[in-house]
C-alpha atoms as a PDB file:
ATOM      1  CA  UNK A   1      11.877  63.245 123.161  1.00  0.00           C
ATOM      2  CA  UNK A   2      12.431  66.467 121.377  1.00  0.00           C
ATOM      3  CA  UNK A   3       9.335  67.887 119.276  1.00  0.00           C
ATOM      4  CA  UNK A   4      10.739  67.934 115.656  1.00  0.00           C
ATOM      5  CA  UNK A   5      10.995  71.506 114.320  1.00  0.00           C
ATOM      6  CA  UNK A   6       8.681  73.385 111.949  1.00  0.00           C
ATOM      7  CA  UNK A   7      11.028  72.686 108.826  1.00  0.00           C
ATOM      8  CA  UNK A   8      11.170  69.031 109.507  1.00  0.00           C
ATOM      9  CA  UNK A   9       7.499  68.947 109.915  1.00  0.00           C
ATOM     10  CA  UNK A  10       6.745  70.743 106.917  1.00  0.00           C
ATOM     11  CA  UNK A  11       8.911  68.710 104.947  1.00  0.00           C
ATOM     12  CA  UNK A  12       7.132  65.405 106.276  1.00  0.00           C
ATOM     13  CA  UNK A  13       3.876  67.242 105.333  1.00  0.00           C
ATOM     14  CA  UNK A  14       4.530  67.253 101.639  1.00  0.00           C
ATOM     15  CA  UNK A  15       4.252  63.235 101.381  1.00  0.00           C
ATOM     16  CA  UNK A  16       1.232  62.721 103.733  1.00  0.00           C
ATOM     17  CA  UNK A  17      -0.523  65.689 101.776  1.00  0.00           C
ATOM     18  CA  UNK A  18      -0.266  63.603  98.591  1.00  0.00           C
ATOM     19  CA  UNK A  19      -1.394  60.313 100.473  1.00  0.00           C
ATOM     20  CA  UNK A  20      -4.176  62.436 102.121  1.00  0.00           C
ATOM     21  CA  UNK A  21      -5.256  64.003  99.116  1.00  0.00           C
ATOM     22  CA  UNK A  22      -5.351  60.255  97.051  1.00  0.00           C
ATOM     23  CA  UNK A  23      -7.221  59.016 100.201  1.00  0.00           C
ATOM     24  CA  UNK A  24     -10.062  61.783 100.153  1.00  0.00           C
ATOM     25  CA  UNK A  25     -10.474  61.185  96.552  1.00  0.00           C
ATOM     26  CA  UNK A  26     -11.180  57.367  97.078  1.00  0.00           C
ATOM     27  CA  UNK A  27     -13.321  57.554  99.966  1.00  0.00           C
ATOM     28  CA  UNK A  28     -15.255  60.959  99.341  1.00  0.00           C
ATOM     29  CA  UNK A  29     -15.879  61.496 103.103  1.00  0.00           C
ATOM     30  CA  UNK A  30     -19.122  63.579 104.372  1.00  0.00           C
ATOM     31  CA  UNK A  31     -16.618  65.760 106.462  1.00  0.00           C
ATOM     32  CA  UNK A  32     -12.998  65.878 107.827  1.00  0.00           C
ATOM     33  CA  UNK A  33     -12.580  66.535 111.319  1.00  0.00           C
ATOM     34  CA  UNK A  34      -9.277  67.680 112.484  1.00  0.00           C
ATOM     35  CA  UNK A  35      -8.389  67.046 116.443  1.00  0.00           C
ATOM     36  CA  UNK A  36      -5.954  69.517 116.773  1.00  0.00           C
ATOM     37  CA  UNK A  37      -5.304  72.998 115.235  1.00  0.00           C
ATOM     38  CA  UNK A  38      -1.635  72.120 114.544  1.00  0.00           C
ATOM     39  CA  UNK A  39      -0.315  70.212 112.102  1.00  0.00           C
ATOM     40  CA  UNK A  40      -3.359  68.082 111.515  1.00  0.00           C
ATOM     41  CA  UNK A  41      -5.331  70.841 110.820  1.00  0.00           C
ATOM     42  CA  UNK A  42      -2.717  72.437 108.475  1.00  0.00           C
ATOM     43  CA  UNK A  43      -3.041  69.186 106.363  1.00  0.00           C
ATOM     44  CA  UNK A  44      -6.936  69.255 106.610  1.00  0.00           C
ATOM     45  CA  UNK A  45      -6.823  72.950 105.571  1.00  0.00           C
ATOM     46  CA  UNK A  46      -4.478  72.594 102.914  1.00  0.00           C
ATOM     47  CA  UNK A  47      -6.638  69.273 101.648  1.00  0.00           C
ATOM     48  CA  UNK A  48      -9.087  72.070 100.494  1.00  0.00           C
ATOM     49  CA  UNK A  49     -11.991  69.530 101.092  1.00  0.00           C
ATOM     50  CA  UNK A  50     -14.964  70.482 103.148  1.00  0.00           C
ATOM     51  CA  UNK A  51     -16.924  70.678 105.343  1.00  0.00           C
ATOM     52  CA  UNK A  52     -13.720  71.179 107.546  1.00  0.00           C
ATOM     53  CA  UNK A  53     -14.427  70.856 111.253  1.00  0.00           C
ATOM     54  CA  UNK A  54     -11.250  71.685 113.439  1.00  0.00           C
ATOM     55  CA  UNK A  55     -11.288  71.174 117.234  1.00  0.00           C
ATOM     56  CA  UNK A  56      -8.427  72.584 119.119  1.00  0.00           C
ATOM     57  CA  UNK A  57      -7.989  70.729 122.444  1.00  0.00           C
ATOM     58  CA  UNK A  58      -5.682  73.198 124.311  1.00  0.00           C
ATOM     59  CA  UNK A  59      -2.012  72.794 124.375  1.00  0.00           C
ATOM     60  CA  UNK A  60      -2.266  73.158 120.572  1.00  0.00           C
ATOM     61  CA  UNK A  61      -3.722  76.582 120.480  1.00  0.00           C
ATOM     62  CA  UNK A  62      -2.769  77.758 123.759  1.00  0.00           C
ATOM     63  CA  UNK A  63       0.765  77.150 123.637  1.00  0.00           C
ATOM     64  CA  UNK A  64       2.104  75.442 120.526  1.00  0.00           C
ATOM     65  CA  UNK A  65      -0.042  77.986 118.276  1.00  0.00           C
ATOM     66  CA  UNK A  66       1.913  81.043 119.862  1.00  0.00           C
ATOM     67  CA  UNK A  67       5.104  79.032 119.792  1.00  0.00           C
ATOM     68  CA  UNK A  68       6.677  80.875 116.616  1.00  0.00           C
ATOM     69  CA  UNK A  69       5.238  83.487 114.051  1.00  0.00           C
ATOM     70  CA  UNK A  70       5.367  80.724 111.510  1.00  0.00           C
ATOM     71  CA  UNK A  71       2.987  78.334 113.535  1.00  0.00           C
ATOM     72  CA  UNK A  72       0.802  81.108 114.772  1.00  0.00           C
ATOM     73  CA  UNK A  73       0.225  81.865 110.968  1.00  0.00           C
ATOM     74  CA  UNK A  74      -0.457  78.308 109.900  1.00  0.00           C
ATOM     75  CA  UNK A  75      -2.856  77.547 112.865  1.00  0.00           C
ATOM     76  CA  UNK A  76      -4.730  81.034 111.812  1.00  0.00           C
ATOM     77  CA  UNK A  77      -4.779  80.252 108.365  1.00  0.00           C
ATOM     78  CA  UNK A  78      -6.082  76.624 109.145  1.00  0.00           C
ATOM     79  CA  UNK A  79      -8.783  78.057 111.544  1.00  0.00           C
ATOM     80  CA  UNK A  80      -9.781  80.530 108.824  1.00  0.00           C
ATOM     81  CA  UNK A  81     -10.431  77.664 106.280  1.00  0.00           C
ATOM     82  CA  UNK A  82     -12.457  75.666 108.555  1.00  0.00           C
ATOM     83  CA  UNK A  83     -16.352  75.556 108.134  1.00  0.00           C
ATOM     84  CA  UNK A  84     -16.766  74.870 111.610  1.00  0.00           C
ATOM     85  CA  UNK A  85     -14.530  75.205 114.864  1.00  0.00           C
ATOM     86  CA  UNK A  86     -15.244  73.219 118.182  1.00  0.00           C
ATOM     87  CA  UNK A  87     -13.805  73.559 121.514  1.00  0.00           C
ATOM     88  CA  UNK A  88     -14.306  72.325 125.118  1.00  0.00           C
ATOM     89  CA  UNK A  89     -13.070  75.208 127.159  1.00  0.00           C
ATOM     90  CA  UNK A  90     -13.628  78.616 127.561  1.00  0.00           C
ATOM     91  CA  UNK A  91     -10.018  79.752 127.835  1.00  0.00           C
ATOM     92  CA  UNK A  92      -9.656  77.709 124.283  1.00  0.00           C
ATOM     93  CA  UNK A  93     -12.451  79.592 122.934  1.00  0.00           C
ATOM     94  CA  UNK A  94     -10.878  82.822 123.761  1.00  0.00           C
ATOM     95  CA  UNK A  95      -7.606  81.887 122.522  1.00  0.00           C
ATOM     96  CA  UNK A  96      -9.501  80.904 119.212  1.00  0.00           C
ATOM     97  CA  UNK A  97     -11.288  84.778 119.277  1.00  0.00           C
ATOM     98  CA  UNK A  98      -8.165  86.408 119.643  1.00  0.00           C
ATOM     99  CA  UNK A  99      -7.104  85.240 116.072  1.00  0.00           C
ATOM    100  CA  UNK A 100     -10.014  87.554 114.747  1.00  0.00           C
ATOM    101  CA  UNK A 101     -12.332  84.642 113.582  1.00  0.00           C
ATOM    102  CA  UNK A 102     -15.911  84.985 113.378  1.00  0.00           C
ATOM    103  CA  UNK A 103     -17.577  84.044 116.681  1.00  0.00           C
ATOM    104  CA  UNK A 104     -20.442  82.284 114.499  1.00  0.00           C
ATOM    105  CA  UNK A 105     -17.908  79.755 113.385  1.00  0.00           C
ATOM    106  CA  UNK A 106     -16.863  78.626 116.742  1.00  0.00           C
ATOM    107  CA  UNK A 107     -19.151  76.287 119.015  1.00  0.00           C
ATOM    108  CA  UNK A 108     -18.697  75.573 122.510  1.00  0.00           C
ATOM    109  CA  UNK A 109     -19.127  71.880 123.315  1.00  0.00           C
ATOM    110  CA  UNK A 110     -19.252  71.321 127.246  1.00  0.00           C
ATOM    111  CA  UNK A 111     -18.346  67.861 128.266  1.00  0.00           C
ATOM    112  CA  UNK A 112     -20.736  66.239 130.894  1.00  0.00           C
ATOM    113  CA  UNK A 113     -23.490  63.596 131.270  1.00  0.00           C
ATOM    114  CA  UNK A 114     -27.276  63.893 130.687  1.00  0.00           C
ATOM    115  CA  UNK A 115     -28.547  62.418 133.922  1.00  0.00           C
ATOM    116  CA  UNK A 116     -31.990  62.110 132.369  1.00  0.00           C
ATOM    117  CA  UNK A 117     -30.434  59.772 130.008  1.00  0.00           C
ATOM    118  CA  UNK A 118     -27.520  58.152 132.088  1.00  0.00           C
ATOM    119  CA  UNK A 119     -28.634  56.771 135.342  1.00  0.00           C
ATOM    120  CA  UNK A 120     -25.933  55.051 137.085  1.00  0.00           C
ATOM    121  CA  UNK A 121     -26.505  52.555 140.202  1.00  0.00           C
ATOM    122  CA  UNK A 122     -27.149  53.750 143.643  1.00  0.00           C
ATOM    123  CA  UNK A 123     -24.175  55.110 145.197  1.00  0.00           C
ATOM    124  CA  UNK A 124     -22.644  53.343 148.189  1.00  0.00           C
ATOM    125  CA  UNK A 125     -22.074  56.622 149.931  1.00  0.00           C
ATOM    126  CA  UNK A 126     -24.305  59.719 149.389  1.00  0.00           C
ATOM    127  CA  UNK A 127     -23.440  62.509 147.527  1.00  0.00           C
ATOM    128  CA  UNK A 128     -22.180  62.961 144.244  1.00  0.00           C
ATOM    129  CA  UNK A 129     -18.523  62.619 143.466  1.00  0.00           C
ATOM    130  CA  UNK A 130     -16.385  64.571 140.877  1.00  0.00           C
ATOM    131  CA  UNK A 131     -13.161  63.049 139.611  1.00  0.00           C
ATOM    132  CA  UNK A 132     -10.539  64.807 137.522  1.00  0.00           C
ATOM    133  CA  UNK A 133      -7.924  63.027 136.359  1.00  0.00           C
ATOM    134  CA  UNK A 134      -6.247  65.742 134.035  1.00  0.00           C
ATOM    135  CA  UNK A 135      -2.609  66.839 134.413  1.00  0.00           C
ATOM    136  CA  UNK A 136      -2.157  69.509 136.978  1.00  0.00           C
ATOM    137  CA  UNK A 137      -0.159  71.419 134.530  1.00  0.00           C
ATOM    138  CA  UNK A 138      -1.864  75.323 134.157  1.00  0.00           C
ATOM    139  CA  UNK A 139      -2.636  74.745 130.602  1.00  0.00           C
ATOM    140  CA  UNK A 140      -5.342  72.259 131.692  1.00  0.00           C
ATOM    141  CA  UNK A 141      -6.997  74.957 134.042  1.00  0.00           C
ATOM    142  CA  UNK A 142      -7.795  72.368 136.925  1.00  0.00           C
ATOM    143  CA  UNK A 143      -7.660  75.556 139.083  1.00  0.00           C
ATOM    144  CA  UNK A 144     -11.356  76.410 138.026  1.00  0.00           C
ATOM    145  CA  UNK A 145     -12.469  72.940 139.267  1.00  0.00           C
ATOM    146  CA  UNK A 146     -10.572  73.785 142.648  1.00  0.00           C
ATOM    147  CA  UNK A 147     -12.251  77.043 142.936  1.00  0.00           C
ATOM    148  CA  UNK A 148     -15.387  75.821 142.071  1.00  0.00           C
ATOM    149  CA  UNK A 149     -15.528  73.339 145.178  1.00  0.00           C
ATOM    150  CA  UNK A 150     -16.612  75.754 147.960  1.00  0.00           C
ATOM    151  CA  UNK A 151     -19.634  76.684 145.605  1.00  0.00           C
ATOM    152  CA  UNK A 152     -20.581  73.251 144.734  1.00  0.00           C
ATOM    153  CA  UNK A 153     -20.507  72.329 148.578  1.00  0.00           C
ATOM    154  CA  UNK A 154     -22.857  75.107 149.075  1.00  0.00           C
ATOM    155  CA  UNK A 155     -25.501  73.587 147.007  1.00  0.00           C
ATOM    156  CA  UNK A 156     -24.149  69.782 147.421  1.00  0.00           C
ATOM    157  CA  UNK A 157     -22.866  69.583 150.808  1.00  0.00           C
ATOM    158  CA  UNK A 158     -22.391  65.821 150.410  1.00  0.00           C
ATOM    159  CA  UNK A 159     -20.447  66.272 147.237  1.00  0.00           C
ATOM    160  CA  UNK A 160     -16.935  64.677 147.156  1.00  0.00           C
ATOM    161  CA  UNK A 161     -14.232  65.397 145.106  1.00  0.00           C
ATOM    162  CA  UNK A 162     -10.824  63.405 143.685  1.00  0.00           C
ATOM    163  CA  UNK A 163      -8.281  65.148 141.762  1.00  0.00           C
ATOM    164  CA  UNK A 164      -5.325  62.798 140.354  1.00  0.00           C
ATOM    165  CA  UNK A 165      -2.546  64.070 138.094  1.00  0.00           C
ATOM    166  CA  UNK A 166       1.134  63.849 137.721  1.00  0.00           C
ATOM    167  CA  UNK A 167       2.399  67.492 137.829  1.00  0.00           C
ATOM    168  CA  UNK A 168       2.468  70.242 140.679  1.00  0.00           C
ATOM    169  CA  UNK A 169      -0.117  72.704 140.177  1.00  0.00           C
ATOM    170  CA  UNK A 170       1.692  75.886 140.878  1.00  0.00           C
ATOM    171  CA  UNK A 171       0.467  78.181 143.564  1.00  0.00           C
ATOM    172  CA  UNK A 172      -1.885  75.710 145.073  1.00  0.00           C
ATOM    173  CA  UNK A 173       0.208  73.085 146.750  1.00  0.00           C
ATOM    174  CA  UNK A 174      -1.299  70.134 145.095  1.00  0.00           C
ATOM    175  CA  UNK A 175       1.378  67.464 144.354  1.00  0.00           C
ATOM    176  CA  UNK A 176       0.739  63.817 143.262  1.00  0.00           C
ATOM    177  CA  UNK A 177       2.635  61.376 141.358  1.00  0.00           C
ATOM    178  CA  UNK A 178       1.890  58.641 138.650  1.00  0.00           C
ATOM    179  CA  UNK A 179       0.740  56.150 141.239  1.00  0.00           C
ATOM    180  CA  UNK A 180      -2.127  58.586 141.816  1.00  0.00           C
ATOM    181  CA  UNK A 181      -3.646  57.411 138.737  1.00  0.00           C
ATOM    182  CA  UNK A 182      -3.767  53.969 140.003  1.00  0.00           C
ATOM    183  CA  UNK A 183      -6.056  55.049 142.637  1.00  0.00           C
ATOM    184  CA  UNK A 184      -8.600  56.516 140.242  1.00  0.00           C
ATOM    185  CA  UNK A 185      -9.861  53.115 140.074  1.00  0.00           C
ATOM    186  CA  UNK A 186     -10.557  53.014 144.051  1.00  0.00           C
ATOM    187  CA  UNK A 187     -12.134  56.220 143.710  1.00  0.00           C
ATOM    188  CA  UNK A 188     -14.777  54.571 142.016  1.00  0.00           C
ATOM    189  CA  UNK A 189     -15.449  51.702 144.593  1.00  0.00           C
ATOM    190  CA  UNK A 190     -15.371  54.563 147.153  1.00  0.00           C
ATOM    191  CA  UNK A 191     -18.795  55.710 145.528  1.00  0.00           C
END
């Protein structure tokens, strides 16, 4: 399916903005959190409701926000209006910082598990297991995980890695297909 062009997205935004403003007036939320730096953030910023948190997730800032001058302007405008910008990847943070936004507005939030709070049952096999189900396209930066494997194995020799995705990771010779996702459930039983 072809992505709607910027002009048609803008035309759809006007009625959505009216509904959003009406909803905000009615429910008076404590904050707005836009999970994209694209059209959701543009709407959130245009609503002029604060506090406003925007979380770019990757493609929206790394690709979509660079696709045209208009999208870059709108994305930058929305992010400048945000009270807080959160992101989960260093590459995403760098892309945000290239838009000349103050570093104090950007909060890097790493995903992970606090093993002092979450204590899974004992594994069937010794060692830690790392499972990545991210698409293997370059924008998702699975390359960093692959480069980390030898470093992890130096510290945790029994660690095991499972990578499942549905695209080719250029230059690394990895190729999987959608059937690999079905195998992810089997990974757990291999733990």
